[in-house]
C-alpha atoms as a PDB file:
ATOM      1  CA  MET A   1     118.490  98.895  83.814  1.00  0.00           C
ATOM      2  CA  LYS A   2     120.546  97.981  80.514  1.00  0.00           C
ATOM      3  CA  GLU A   3     123.001  96.064  83.121  1.00  0.00           C
ATOM      4  CA  VAL A   4     120.062  93.824  84.939  1.00  0.00           C
ATOM      5  CA  ASP A   5     119.724  92.676  81.533  1.00  0.00           C
ATOM      6  CA  GLU A   6     122.264  91.145  80.860  1.00  0.00           C
ATOM      7  CA  ILE A   7     122.805  89.133  84.169  1.00  0.00           C
ATOM      8  CA  ASP A   8     122.770  85.311  83.279  1.00  0.00           C
ATOM      9  CA  LEU A   9     120.523  82.688  85.413  1.00  0.00           C
ATOM     10  CA  GLU A  10     123.745  81.393  87.297  1.00  0.00           C
ATOM     11  CA  THR A  11     125.084  84.426  88.749  1.00  0.00           C
ATOM     12  CA  LEU A  12     120.884  85.668  89.953  1.00  0.00           C
ATOM     13  CA  GLU A  13     120.262  82.120  91.220  1.00  0.00           C
ATOM     14  CA  LYS A  14     123.363  83.015  93.691  1.00  0.00           C
ATOM     15  CA  GLU A  15     121.380  86.419  94.555  1.00  0.00           C
ATOM     16  CA  ALA A  16     118.016  85.406  94.236  1.00  0.00           C
ATOM     17  CA  PRO A  17     117.822  84.245  98.031  1.00  0.00           C
ATOM     18  CA  ALA A  18     119.245  87.527  99.372  1.00  0.00           C
ATOM     19  CA  ILE A  19     116.921  89.616  97.521  1.00  0.00           C
ATOM     20  CA  ARG A  20     114.225  87.523  98.014  1.00  0.00           C
ATOM     21  CA  GLU A  21     114.742  88.104 101.639  1.00  0.00           C
ATOM     22  CA  ARG A  22     115.151  92.034 101.441  1.00  0.00           C
ATOM     23  CA  LEU A  23     111.624  92.034  99.312  1.00  0.00           C
ATOM     24  CA  ASN A  24     109.858  90.101 102.143  1.00  0.00           C
ATOM     25  CA  ARG A  25     111.734  92.745 104.734  1.00  0.00           C
ATOM     26  CA  PHE A  26     110.240  95.276 102.414  1.00  0.00           C
ATOM     27  CA  ARG A  27     106.620  94.449 102.208  1.00  0.00           C
ATOM     28  CA  ARG A  28     106.080  93.617 105.778  1.00  0.00           C
ATOM     29  CA  SER A  29     108.120  97.067 107.313  1.00  0.00           C
ATOM     30  CA  VAL A  30     105.965  99.095 105.095  1.00  0.00           C
ATOM     31  CA  ALA A  31     102.887  97.325 106.323  1.00  0.00           C
ATOM     32  CA  ARG A  32     103.760  98.315 109.601  1.00  0.00           C
ATOM     33  CA  PHE A  33     102.678 101.797 108.713  1.00  0.00           C
ATOM     34  CA  PHE A  34      99.212 100.935 107.428  1.00  0.00           C
ATOM     35  CA  VAL A  35      96.103  99.204 109.499  1.00  0.00           C
ATOM     36  CA  GLY A  36      94.851  96.196 107.738  1.00  0.00           C
ATOM     37  CA  ARG A  37      96.422  96.625 104.378  1.00  0.00           C
ATOM     38  CA  GLU A  38      99.176  93.993 104.609  1.00  0.00           C
ATOM     39  CA  ARG A  39      97.508  91.662 101.882  1.00  0.00           C
ATOM     40  CA  VAL A  40      96.744  94.965  99.458  1.00  0.00           C
ATOM     41  CA  ILE A  41     100.959  95.434  99.977  1.00  0.00           C
ATOM     42  CA  ASP A  42     101.634  92.287  98.952  1.00  0.00           C
ATOM     43  CA  LEU A  43      99.691  92.747  95.881  1.00  0.00           C
ATOM     44  CA  MET A  44     101.873  95.523  95.464  1.00  0.00           C
ATOM     45  CA  THR A  45     105.096  93.780  95.801  1.00  0.00           C
ATOM     46  CA  VAL A  46     104.027  90.931  93.970  1.00  0.00           C
ATOM     47  CA  ALA A  47     102.837  93.107  91.120  1.00  0.00           C
ATOM     48  CA  ALA A  48     106.087  95.134  91.222  1.00  0.00           C
ATOM     49  CA  VAL A  49     108.501  92.123  90.477  1.00  0.00           C
ATOM     50  CA  ALA A  50     106.210  90.369  87.783  1.00  0.00           C
ATOM     51  CA  GLN A  51     105.825  94.092  86.449  1.00  0.00           C
ATOM     52  CA  GLU A  52     102.190  94.052  86.148  1.00  0.00           C
ATOM     53  CA  PRO A  53      99.932  96.838  86.665  1.00  0.00           C
ATOM     54  CA  LEU A  54      98.069  96.775  89.766  1.00  0.00           C
ATOM     55  CA  LEU A  55      94.552  98.636  89.793  1.00  0.00           C
ATOM     56  CA  LEU A  56      93.528  99.700  93.964  1.00  0.00           C
ATOM     57  CA  VAL A  57      89.901 100.189  94.220  1.00  0.00           C
ATOM     58  CA  GLY A  58      88.139 102.056  96.718  1.00  0.00           C
ATOM     59  CA  ASP A  59      85.974 105.286  98.000  1.00  0.00           C
ATOM     60  CA  PRO A  60      88.149 108.252  98.713  1.00  0.00           C
ATOM     61  CA  GLY A  61      90.401 108.445 101.821  1.00  0.00           C
ATOM     62  CA  THR A  62      90.938 104.697 102.047  1.00  0.00           C
ATOM     63  CA  ALA A  63      94.451 105.080 101.449  1.00  0.00           C
ATOM     64  CA  LYS A  64      95.107 104.541  97.685  1.00  0.00           C
ATOM     65  CA  SER A  65      97.610 107.172  97.009  1.00  0.00           C
ATOM     66  CA  GLU A  66      98.914 106.837 100.694  1.00  0.00           C
ATOM     67  CA  LEU A  67      99.710 103.287  99.676  1.00  0.00           C
ATOM     68  CA  VAL A  68     101.635 103.941  96.355  1.00  0.00           C
ATOM     69  CA  THR A  69     103.466 106.946  98.055  1.00  0.00           C
ATOM     70  CA  LYS A  70     104.956 104.831 101.308  1.00  0.00           C
ATOM     71  CA  PHE A  71     105.360 102.471  98.763  1.00  0.00           C
ATOM     72  CA  ARG A  72     108.079 103.926  96.285  1.00  0.00           C
ATOM     73  CA  GLU A  73     109.120 106.247  99.186  1.00  0.00           C
ATOM     74  CA  ALA A  74     110.195 102.677 101.143  1.00  0.00           C
ATOM     75  CA  LEU A  75     112.221 101.740  97.429  1.00  0.00           C
ATOM     76  CA  GLY A  76     113.683 104.959  97.348  1.00  0.00           C
ATOM     77  CA  VAL A  77     112.793 105.841  94.131  1.00  0.00           C
ATOM     78  CA  PRO A  78     113.941 109.579  93.376  1.00  0.00           C
ATOM     79  CA  ASP A  79     111.432 112.028  92.172  1.00  0.00           C
ATOM     80  CA  SER A  80     113.153 112.066  88.874  1.00  0.00           C
ATOM     81  CA  ASP A  81     112.369 108.558  88.306  1.00  0.00           C
ATOM     82  CA  TYR A  82     108.654 108.928  89.600  1.00  0.00           C
ATOM     83  CA  PHE A  83     105.457 109.476  88.030  1.00  0.00           C
ATOM     84  CA  GLU A  84     102.050 110.418  89.046  1.00  0.00           C
ATOM     85  CA  TYR A  85      98.928 112.087  87.816  1.00  0.00           C
ATOM     86  CA  MET A  86      95.478 112.396  88.498  1.00  0.00           C
ATOM     87  CA  LEU A  87      93.725 112.042  85.307  1.00  0.00           C
ATOM     88  CA  THR A  88      90.209 113.611  83.908  1.00  0.00           C
ATOM     89  CA  ARG A  89      88.074 113.683  81.206  1.00  0.00           C
ATOM     90  CA  PHE A  90      89.679 116.975  80.159  1.00  0.00           C
ATOM     91  CA  THR A  91      93.262 115.563  80.907  1.00  0.00           C
ATOM     92  CA  GLU A  92      95.265 115.978  77.691  1.00  0.00           C
ATOM     93  CA  PRO A  93      98.095 113.293  76.231  1.00  0.00           C
ATOM     94  CA  SER A  94     100.898 116.584  76.868  1.00  0.00           C
ATOM     95  CA  GLU A  95      99.769 116.234  80.582  1.00  0.00           C
ATOM     96  CA  VAL A  96     101.204 112.964  80.621  1.00  0.00           C
ATOM     97  CA  LEU A  97     103.406 112.103  77.979  1.00  0.00           C
ATOM     98  CA  GLY A  98     104.860 115.287  77.568  1.00  0.00           C
ATOM     99  CA  PRO A  99     104.394 118.890  75.684  1.00  0.00           C
ATOM    100  CA  ILE A 100     104.973 118.886  71.910  1.00  0.00           C
ATOM    101  CA  ASP A 101     108.353 120.793  71.324  1.00  0.00           C
ATOM    102  CA  ILE A 102     106.866 123.785  68.994  1.00  0.00           C
ATOM    103  CA  ALA A 103     110.607 124.612  67.847  1.00  0.00           C
ATOM    104  CA  LEU A 104     110.746 121.049  65.971  1.00  0.00           C
ATOM    105  CA  LEU A 105     106.828 121.604  65.168  1.00  0.00           C
ATOM    106  CA  ARG A 106     107.828 124.665  63.177  1.00  0.00           C
ATOM    107  CA  ASP A 107     110.300 122.041  60.876  1.00  0.00           C
ATOM    108  CA  GLY A 108     107.322 119.421  60.440  1.00  0.00           C
ATOM    109  CA  ARG A 109     108.159 117.235  63.450  1.00  0.00           C
ATOM    110  CA  PHE A 110     105.413 116.006  66.277  1.00  0.00           C
ATOM    111  CA  VAL A 111     107.838 115.738  68.862  1.00  0.00           C
ATOM    112  CA  ARG A 112     107.301 115.551  72.670  1.00  0.00           C
ATOM    113  CA  ARG A 113     109.187 116.805  75.768  1.00  0.00           C
ATOM    114  CA  GLU A 114     108.975 113.933  77.519  1.00  0.00           C
ATOM    115  CA  ARG A 115     111.419 114.862  80.489  1.00  0.00           C
ATOM    116  CA  GLY A 116     109.737 114.853  83.990  1.00  0.00           C
ATOM    117  CA  LYS A 117     106.640 112.806  82.431  1.00  0.00           C
ATOM    118  CA  LEU A 118     105.778 109.287  82.519  1.00  0.00           C
ATOM    119  CA  PRO A 119     108.101 108.245  79.510  1.00  0.00           C
ATOM    120  CA  THR A 120     111.231 108.962  81.707  1.00  0.00           C
ATOM    121  CA  ALA A 121     109.810 107.335  85.067  1.00  0.00           C
ATOM    122  CA  SER A 122     109.977 103.760  85.969  1.00  0.00           C
ATOM    123  CA  VAL A 123     107.645 104.101  88.792  1.00  0.00           C
ATOM    124  CA  VAL A 124     103.976 105.417  87.985  1.00  0.00           C
ATOM    125  CA  PHE A 125     100.630 106.117  89.549  1.00  0.00           C
ATOM    126  CA  LEU A 126      97.666 107.207  87.791  1.00  0.00           C
ATOM    127  CA  ASP A 127      94.682 108.144  90.124  1.00  0.00           C
ATOM    128  CA  GLU A 128      91.332 107.848  88.716  1.00  0.00           C
ATOM    129  CA  ILE A 129      92.794 106.027  85.416  1.00  0.00           C
ATOM    130  CA  PHE A 130      88.862 105.525  84.137  1.00  0.00           C
ATOM    131  CA  ARG A 131      87.753 108.805  84.313  1.00  0.00           C
ATOM    132  CA  SER A 132      90.657 109.681  81.317  1.00  0.00           C
ATOM    133  CA  ASN A 133      89.453 110.227  77.468  1.00  0.00           C
ATOM    134  CA  SER A 134      89.983 108.201  74.625  1.00  0.00           C
ATOM    135  CA  ALA A 135      93.038 109.968  73.478  1.00  0.00           C
ATOM    136  CA  ILE A 136      94.697 109.335  77.017  1.00  0.00           C
ATOM    137  CA  LEU A 137      93.097 105.350  77.200  1.00  0.00           C
ATOM    138  CA  ASN A 138      94.625 104.509  73.623  1.00  0.00           C
ATOM    139  CA  ALA A 139      98.131 105.960  74.557  1.00  0.00           C
ATOM    140  CA  LEU A 140      97.737 103.995  77.737  1.00  0.00           C
ATOM    141  CA  LEU A 141      97.325 100.954  76.236  1.00  0.00           C
ATOM    142  CA  THR A 142     100.319 101.024  73.981  1.00  0.00           C
ATOM    143  CA  VAL A 143     102.376 102.061  76.918  1.00  0.00           C
ATOM    144  CA  ILE A 144     101.064  99.027  79.431  1.00  0.00           C
ATOM    145  CA  ASN A 145     100.896  96.433  76.593  1.00  0.00           C
ATOM    146  CA  GLU A 146     103.865  97.425  74.566  1.00  0.00           C
ATOM    147  CA  ARG A 147     105.885  99.621  76.734  1.00  0.00           C
ATOM    148  CA  LYS A 148     105.773 102.435  74.474  1.00  0.00           C
ATOM    149  CA  PHE A 149     104.685 105.649  72.918  1.00  0.00           C
ATOM    150  CA  TYR A 150     105.317 107.714  69.436  1.00  0.00           C
ATOM    151  CA  GLN A 151     107.628 110.242  68.736  1.00  0.00           C
ATOM    152  CA  ASP A 152     106.757 111.574  65.397  1.00  0.00           C
ATOM    153  CA  GLY A 153     105.193 108.277  64.354  1.00  0.00           C
ATOM    154  CA  VAL A 154     108.549 106.168  65.793  1.00  0.00           C
ATOM    155  CA  PRO A 155     107.698 103.512  68.390  1.00  0.00           C
ATOM    156  CA  THR A 156     109.701 104.861  71.613  1.00  0.00           C
ATOM    157  CA  PRO A 157     110.023 102.923  74.422  1.00  0.00           C
ATOM    158  CA  VAL A 158     109.255 104.220  78.010  1.00  0.00           C
ATOM    159  CA  ARG A 159     111.493 103.011  80.876  1.00  0.00           C
ATOM    160  CA  LEU A 160     108.374 101.954  82.845  1.00  0.00           C
ATOM    161  CA  LYS A 161     108.743  99.108  85.293  1.00  0.00           C
ATOM    162  CA  VAL A 162     105.837  99.471  87.759  1.00  0.00           C
ATOM    163  CA  LEU A 163     102.377 100.662  87.489  1.00  0.00           C
ATOM    164  CA  PHE A 164      99.939 101.350  89.912  1.00  0.00           C
ATOM    165  CA  ALA A 165      96.495 103.008  89.302  1.00  0.00           C
ATOM    166  CA  ALA A 166      93.310 104.020  90.979  1.00  0.00           C
ATOM    167  CA  THR A 167      89.961 104.098  90.702  1.00  0.00           C
ATOM    168  CA  ASN A 168      86.954 105.258  93.406  1.00  0.00           C
ATOM    169  CA  GLU A 169      85.025 103.010  90.658  1.00  0.00           C
ATOM    170  CA  ILE A 170      84.839 100.730  87.866  1.00  0.00           C
ATOM    171  CA  PRO A 171      82.992 102.322  85.069  1.00  0.00           C
ATOM    172  CA  ASP A 172      80.722  99.705  83.101  1.00  0.00           C
ATOM    173  CA  GLN A 173      81.805 100.926  79.686  1.00  0.00           C
ATOM    174  CA  GLY A 174      82.868  99.258  76.662  1.00  0.00           C
ATOM    175  CA  GLU A 175      85.060 101.622  75.506  1.00  0.00           C
ATOM    176  CA  LEU A 176      87.057 100.629  78.633  1.00  0.00           C
ATOM    177  CA  ALA A 177      87.167  97.055  78.431  1.00  0.00           C
ATOM    178  CA  ALA A 178      90.431  96.703  76.892  1.00  0.00           C
ATOM    179  CA  LEU A 179      92.079  99.073  79.582  1.00  0.00           C
ATOM    180  CA  LYS A 180      90.676  96.907  82.394  1.00  0.00           C
ATOM    181  CA  ASP A 181      92.009  93.964  80.803  1.00  0.00           C
ATOM    182  CA  ARG A 182      95.559  95.062  81.200  1.00  0.00           C
ATOM    183  CA  PHE A 183      94.779  94.816  84.761  1.00  0.00           C
ATOM    184  CA  ALA A 184      95.116  91.024  85.939  1.00  0.00           C
ATOM    185  CA  LEU A 185      94.450  91.981  89.567  1.00  0.00           C
ATOM    186  CA  LYS A 186      92.167  94.443  91.189  1.00  0.00           C
ATOM    187  CA  VAL A 187      91.914  94.746  94.612  1.00  0.00           C
ATOM    188  CA  ALA A 188      89.870  97.023  97.052  1.00  0.00           C
ATOM    189  CA  CYS A 189      90.864  99.272  99.574  1.00  0.00           C
ATOM    190  CA  ARG A 190      87.995  99.132 101.939  1.00  0.00           C
ATOM    191  CA  SER A 191      87.457 101.348 105.227  1.00  0.00           C
ATOM    192  CA  VAL A 192      89.205  99.829 108.521  1.00  0.00           C
ATOM    193  CA  GLN A 193      87.265 101.914 111.012  1.00  0.00           C
ATOM    194  CA  GLU A 194      84.818  99.653 111.644  1.00  0.00           C
ATOM    195  CA  ALA A 195      87.224  97.324 112.831  1.00  0.00           C
ATOM    196  CA  PHE A 196      90.652  99.392 113.496  1.00  0.00           C
ATOM    197  CA  PHE A 197      88.975 102.434 115.073  1.00  0.00           C
ATOM    198  CA  ALA A 198      91.870 103.501 117.213  1.00  0.00           C
ATOM    199  CA  GLU A 199      94.592 101.905 115.541  1.00  0.00           C
ATOM    200  CA  LEU A 200      93.553 103.830 112.372  1.00  0.00           C
ATOM    201  CA  ILE A 201      93.283 107.230 114.287  1.00  0.00           C
ATOM    202  CA  ASP A 202      97.181 106.750 116.260  1.00  0.00           C
ATOM    203  CA  ALA A 203      98.336 105.379 112.585  1.00  0.00           C
ATOM    204  CA  GLY A 204      96.894 107.934 110.597  1.00  0.00           C
ATOM    205  CA  LEU A 205      98.192 110.783 113.083  1.00  0.00           C
ATOM    206  CA  ASP A 206     101.591 109.374 112.642  1.00  0.00           C
ATOM    207  CA  ALA A 207     101.437 109.333 109.481  1.00  0.00           C
ATOM    208  CA  MET A 208     100.592 113.127 109.305  1.00  0.00           C
ATOM    209  CA  THR A 209     102.687 114.043 111.612  1.00  0.00           C
ATOM    210  CA  GLN A 210     105.774 112.651 110.110  1.00  0.00           C
ATOM    211  CA  ARG A 211     105.365 113.887 106.692  1.00  0.00           C
ATOM    212  CA  GLU A 212     104.922 117.480 108.576  1.00  0.00           C
ATOM    213  CA  LEU A 213     108.097 117.116 110.346  1.00  0.00           C
ATOM    214  CA  GLY A 214     109.835 115.883 106.983  1.00  0.00           C
ATOM    215  CA  ARG A 215     110.573 112.529 108.375  1.00  0.00           C
ATOM    216  CA  ARG A 216     110.164 109.147 106.340  1.00  0.00           C
ATOM    217  CA  PRO A 217     110.354 106.548 108.855  1.00  0.00           C
ATOM    218  CA  TRP A 218     108.870 104.135 106.465  1.00  0.00           C
ATOM    219  CA  ALA A 219     112.083 104.427 104.058  1.00  0.00           C
ATOM    220  CA  GLU A 220     114.257 101.991 105.843  1.00  0.00           C
ATOM    221  CA  GLY A 221     116.036 100.734 103.032  1.00  0.00           C
ATOM    222  CA  HIS A 222     115.088  97.117 103.290  1.00  0.00           C
ATOM    223  CA  ALA A 223     114.792  96.772  99.063  1.00  0.00           C
ATOM    224  CA  THR A 224     115.427  99.009  96.354  1.00  0.00           C
ATOM    225  CA  LEU A 225     114.252  99.378  92.723  1.00  0.00           C
ATOM    226  CA  LEU A 226     117.002  97.533  91.842  1.00  0.00           C
ATOM    227  CA  ASP A 227     116.297  94.099  93.474  1.00  0.00           C
ATOM    228  CA  LEU A 228     112.692  94.319  92.000  1.00  0.00           C
ATOM    229  CA  LEU A 229     114.328  94.514  88.777  1.00  0.00           C
ATOM    230  CA  LYS A 230     116.453  91.898  89.593  1.00  0.00           C
ATOM    231  CA  ALA A 231     113.907  89.471  90.830  1.00  0.00           C
ATOM    232  CA  HIS A 232     111.948  90.073  87.624  1.00  0.00           C
ATOM    233  CA  ARG A 233     115.070  89.256  85.307  1.00  0.00           C
ATOM    234  CA  TYR A 234     115.561  85.950  87.811  1.00  0.00           C
ATOM    235  CA  LEU A 235     111.995  84.858  87.417  1.00  0.00           C
ATOM    236  CA  ASN A 236     112.357  85.479  83.465  1.00  0.00           C
ATOM    237  CA  LEU A 237     115.209  83.705  83.102  1.00  0.00           C
ATOM    238  CA  LEU A 238     113.403  80.572  84.864  1.00  0.00           C
ATOM    239  CA  PHE A 239     110.169  80.898  82.966  1.00  0.00           C
ATOM    240  CA  ALA A 240     112.006  80.529  79.789  1.00  0.00           C
ATOM    241  CA  ARG A 241     114.558  77.542  80.830  1.00  0.00           C
ATOM    242  CA  GLN A 242     113.961  74.182  79.430  1.00  0.00           C
ATOM    243  CA  VAL A 243     115.830  71.427  80.456  1.00  0.00           C
ATOM    244  CA  GLU A 244     116.198  68.035  79.225  1.00  0.00           C
ATOM    245  CA  ALA A 245     114.460  65.327  80.874  1.00  0.00           C
ATOM    246  CA  ALA A 246     114.113  61.543  80.811  1.00  0.00           C
ATOM    247  CA  ARG A 247     110.442  62.635  79.213  1.00  0.00           C
ATOM    248  CA  GLY A 248     111.757  65.470  77.021  1.00  0.00           C
ATOM    249  CA  LEU A 249     112.056  68.913  77.490  1.00  0.00           C
ATOM    250  CA  GLU A 250     110.955  70.182  81.124  1.00  0.00           C
ATOM    251  CA  ARG A 251     109.154  73.578  81.295  1.00  0.00           C
ATOM    252  CA  ASP A 252     108.951  75.745  84.141  1.00  0.00           C
ATOM    253  CA  ARG A 253     105.449  74.434  84.667  1.00  0.00           C
ATOM    254  CA  ASP A 254     106.752  71.149  84.795  1.00  0.00           C
ATOM    255  CA  ARG A 255     109.239  72.040  87.989  1.00  0.00           C
ATOM    256  CA  PHE A 256     106.806  74.865  89.731  1.00  0.00           C
ATOM    257  CA  PHE A 257     103.346  74.069  89.101  1.00  0.00           C
ATOM    258  CA  SER A 258     102.011  70.807  89.492  1.00  0.00           C
ATOM    259  CA  PRO A 259      99.168  68.812  87.412  1.00  0.00           C
ATOM    260  CA  GLU A 260      96.731  68.948  90.361  1.00  0.00           C
ATOM    261  CA  LEU A 261      97.071  72.302  91.120  1.00  0.00           C
ATOM    262  CA  LEU A 262      97.002  73.428  87.194  1.00  0.00           C
ATOM    263  CA  ALA A 263      93.558  71.461  87.036  1.00  0.00           C
ATOM    264  CA  GLU A 264      92.534  73.475  90.247  1.00  0.00           C
ATOM    265  CA  LEU A 265      93.286  76.700  88.561  1.00  0.00           C
ATOM    266  CA  ARG A 266      91.665  75.882  85.826  1.00  0.00           C
ATOM    267  CA  ARG A 267      88.815  74.413  87.336  1.00  0.00           C
ATOM    268  CA  ILE A 268      88.102  77.803  89.671  1.00  0.00           C
ATOM    269  CA  ILE A 269      88.659  79.764  86.180  1.00  0.00           C
ATOM    270  CA  ARG A 270      85.555  77.566  84.590  1.00  0.00           C
ATOM    271  CA  THR A 271      83.557  78.090  87.665  1.00  0.00           C
ATOM    272  CA  LEU A 272      84.023  81.958  88.107  1.00  0.00           C
ATOM    273  CA  VAL A 273      83.195  82.175  84.111  1.00  0.00           C
ATOM    274  CA  ARG A 274      80.065  80.065  84.240  1.00  0.00           C
ATOM    275  CA  GLU A 275      78.643  80.428  87.670  1.00  0.00           C
ATOM    276  CA  ASP A 276      79.534  84.663  87.973  1.00  0.00           C
ATOM    277  CA  GLU A 277      80.057  85.381  84.227  1.00  0.00           C
ATOM    278  CA  VAL A 278      83.433  86.656  85.451  1.00  0.00           C
ATOM    279  CA  PHE A 279      85.415  87.743  82.020  1.00  0.00           C
ATOM    280  CA  VAL A 280      88.927  86.237  82.026  1.00  0.00           C
ATOM    281  CA  SER A 281      90.690  86.570  78.720  1.00  0.00           C
ATOM    282  CA  ASP A 282      93.652  84.328  77.188  1.00  0.00           C
ATOM    283  CA  ARG A 283      95.944  86.795  78.110  1.00  0.00           C
ATOM    284  CA  LYS A 284      94.318  87.477  81.468  1.00  0.00           C
ATOM    285  CA  VAL A 285      95.501  83.694  81.977  1.00  0.00           C
ATOM    286  CA  VAL A 286      98.353  84.056  81.210  1.00  0.00           C
ATOM    287  CA  LYS A 287      99.164  86.902  82.984  1.00  0.00           C
ATOM    288  CA  LEU A 288      97.587  84.643  86.137  1.00  0.00           C
ATOM    289  CA  TYR A 289     100.019  82.275  85.690  1.00  0.00           C
ATOM    290  CA  ARG A 290     103.171  84.352  85.734  1.00  0.00           C
ATOM    291  CA  LEU A 291     101.641  86.469  88.700  1.00  0.00           C
ATOM    292  CA  ILE A 292     100.857  82.984  90.481  1.00  0.00           C
ATOM    293  CA  ARG A 293     104.612  82.152  90.053  1.00  0.00           C
ATOM    294  CA  THR A 294     105.757  85.446  91.210  1.00  0.00           C
ATOM    295  CA  HIS A 295     103.656  85.290  94.494  1.00  0.00           C
ATOM    296  CA  ALA A 296     104.957  81.608  95.213  1.00  0.00           C
ATOM    297  CA  TRP A 297     108.483  82.690  94.705  1.00  0.00           C
ATOM    298  CA  LEU A 298     108.450  85.665  97.017  1.00  0.00           C
ATOM    299  CA  LEU A 299     106.202  84.237  99.972  1.00  0.00           C
ATOM    300  CA  HIS A 300     107.390  80.896 100.154  1.00  0.00           C
ATOM    301  CA  GLY A 301     110.173  80.744  97.617  1.00  0.00           C
ATOM    302  CA  GLY A 302     109.450  77.732  96.040  1.00  0.00           C
ATOM    303  CA  ALA A 303     106.744  75.963  93.684  1.00  0.00           C
ATOM    304  CA  VAL A 304     103.120  76.987  93.688  1.00  0.00           C
ATOM    305  CA  ASP A 305     101.158  75.384  96.696  1.00  0.00           C
ATOM    306  CA  ARG A 306      96.799  76.188  97.027  1.00  0.00           C
ATOM    307  CA  SER A 307      97.137  79.057  98.947  1.00  0.00           C
ATOM    308  CA  ASP A 308      98.920  80.703  96.028  1.00  0.00           C
ATOM    309  CA  LEU A 309      95.775  80.405  93.950  1.00  0.00           C
ATOM    310  CA  ALA A 310      94.026  82.861  96.125  1.00  0.00           C
ATOM    311  CA  LEU A 311      95.383  85.550  93.715  1.00  0.00           C
ATOM    312  CA  LEU A 312      92.316  84.458  91.678  1.00  0.00           C
ATOM    313  CA  SER A 313      90.125  86.260  94.475  1.00  0.00           C
ATOM    314  CA  TYR A 314      91.461  89.610  92.464  1.00  0.00           C
ATOM    315  CA  VAL A 315      90.175  89.093  88.890  1.00  0.00           C
ATOM    316  CA  GLY A 316      87.097  90.281  89.053  1.00  0.00           C
ATOM    317  CA  GLU A 317      85.692  93.182  86.325  1.00  0.00           C
ATOM    318  CA  THR A 318      83.893  95.262  88.413  1.00  0.00           C
ATOM    319  CA  ARG A 319      83.272  96.192  92.203  1.00  0.00           C
ATOM    320  CA  GLN A 320      80.769  93.603  92.548  1.00  0.00           C
ATOM    321  CA  GLU A 321      82.795  91.025  91.540  1.00  0.00           C
ATOM    322  CA  ILE A 322      85.484  92.235  93.597  1.00  0.00           C
ATOM    323  CA  ASP A 323      83.527  91.582  96.857  1.00  0.00           C
ATOM    324  CA  LEU A 324      82.294  88.510  95.535  1.00  0.00           C
ATOM    325  CA  LEU A 325      85.533  86.769  94.547  1.00  0.00           C
ATOM    326  CA  GLU A 326      87.165  87.682  97.723  1.00  0.00           C
ATOM    327  CA  GLU A 327      85.048  85.358  99.334  1.00  0.00           C
ATOM    328  CA  LYS A 328      84.202  82.817  96.910  1.00  0.00           C
ATOM    329  CA  VAL A 329      87.609  81.664  95.879  1.00  0.00           C
ATOM    330  CA  PRO A 330      89.107  81.101  99.403  1.00  0.00           C
ATOM    331  CA  ARG A 331      85.841  78.668  99.787  1.00  0.00           C
ATOM    332  CA  LEU A 332      86.642  76.963  96.309  1.00  0.00           C
ATOM    333  CA  LEU A 333      90.208  76.270  97.316  1.00  0.00           C
ATOM    334  CA  GLY A 334      89.218  75.358 100.845  1.00  0.00           C
ATOM    335  CA  LEU A 335      91.143  78.278 102.554  1.00  0.00           C
ATOM    336  CA  GLU A 336      89.903  80.626 105.151  1.00  0.00           C
ATOM    337  CA  ALA A 337      88.692  83.846 103.538  1.00  0.00           C
END
């Protein structure tokens, strides 16, 4: 991880096309093992490169857990670098962050033994995230927003790079507002049996039998976690770069996000806020910019185009908004839903 943080932009510019090609092969490969989940897997890949958390919303049995499991196995992430947990209102911080070290507690120190828990994992999946209690919620806010937790009152970095979470429903509770806002994108995982009945049976049976036989055909080695980290580093360096130009300093926005599309982004956000009362915080606007740029780089390797703004389809805060925006945003953009 440390080595990636030291790679310069010139080096990554040479590697970027090959990294992008591997990531695109990866997302297409994983999609072959699901029915009707191509867009969800695209969003998972974009969120993973941007290191932004993604929330999967859907009824039980709509492949939320299976998506995450196959995604991380296809990346070759070992068990030692992965943490998953189903949260309930009875879940204690020790189950997620690690138990208190009793020997050190006798000496008056409040230190957790974090081995095998969230702080030591690069890829994390939290199922039923909104069922957790206030103690877990407060800890998760710090982990997600600041990438740290507290050991004996001292902020300690976590290794988290990729976070997926899932929920059957999004509760309408005020105390969850801050956590919901951390997920700039929320995507629905809907039942596909109506449209793909036979295909669902074939794919589901294949998945079950392959697991029982101890096989992982989806782990084809197209891309690794290292590719995600390098892509993230490369885009961060691009975002930070400012180049002298005739009209002054040229920023990332000047090179990759045209004024016309920026105005369109603003128009659509305003429309969603005013007409549908969708909550879009200032923090989310910045996150959306990064995600849209990441989407543009991954899917077509260049400047943002109109299709990239379709990410606004996934900014809904409730299940009703999620359903509404997936139809409304493409219509506002003049794209096919």
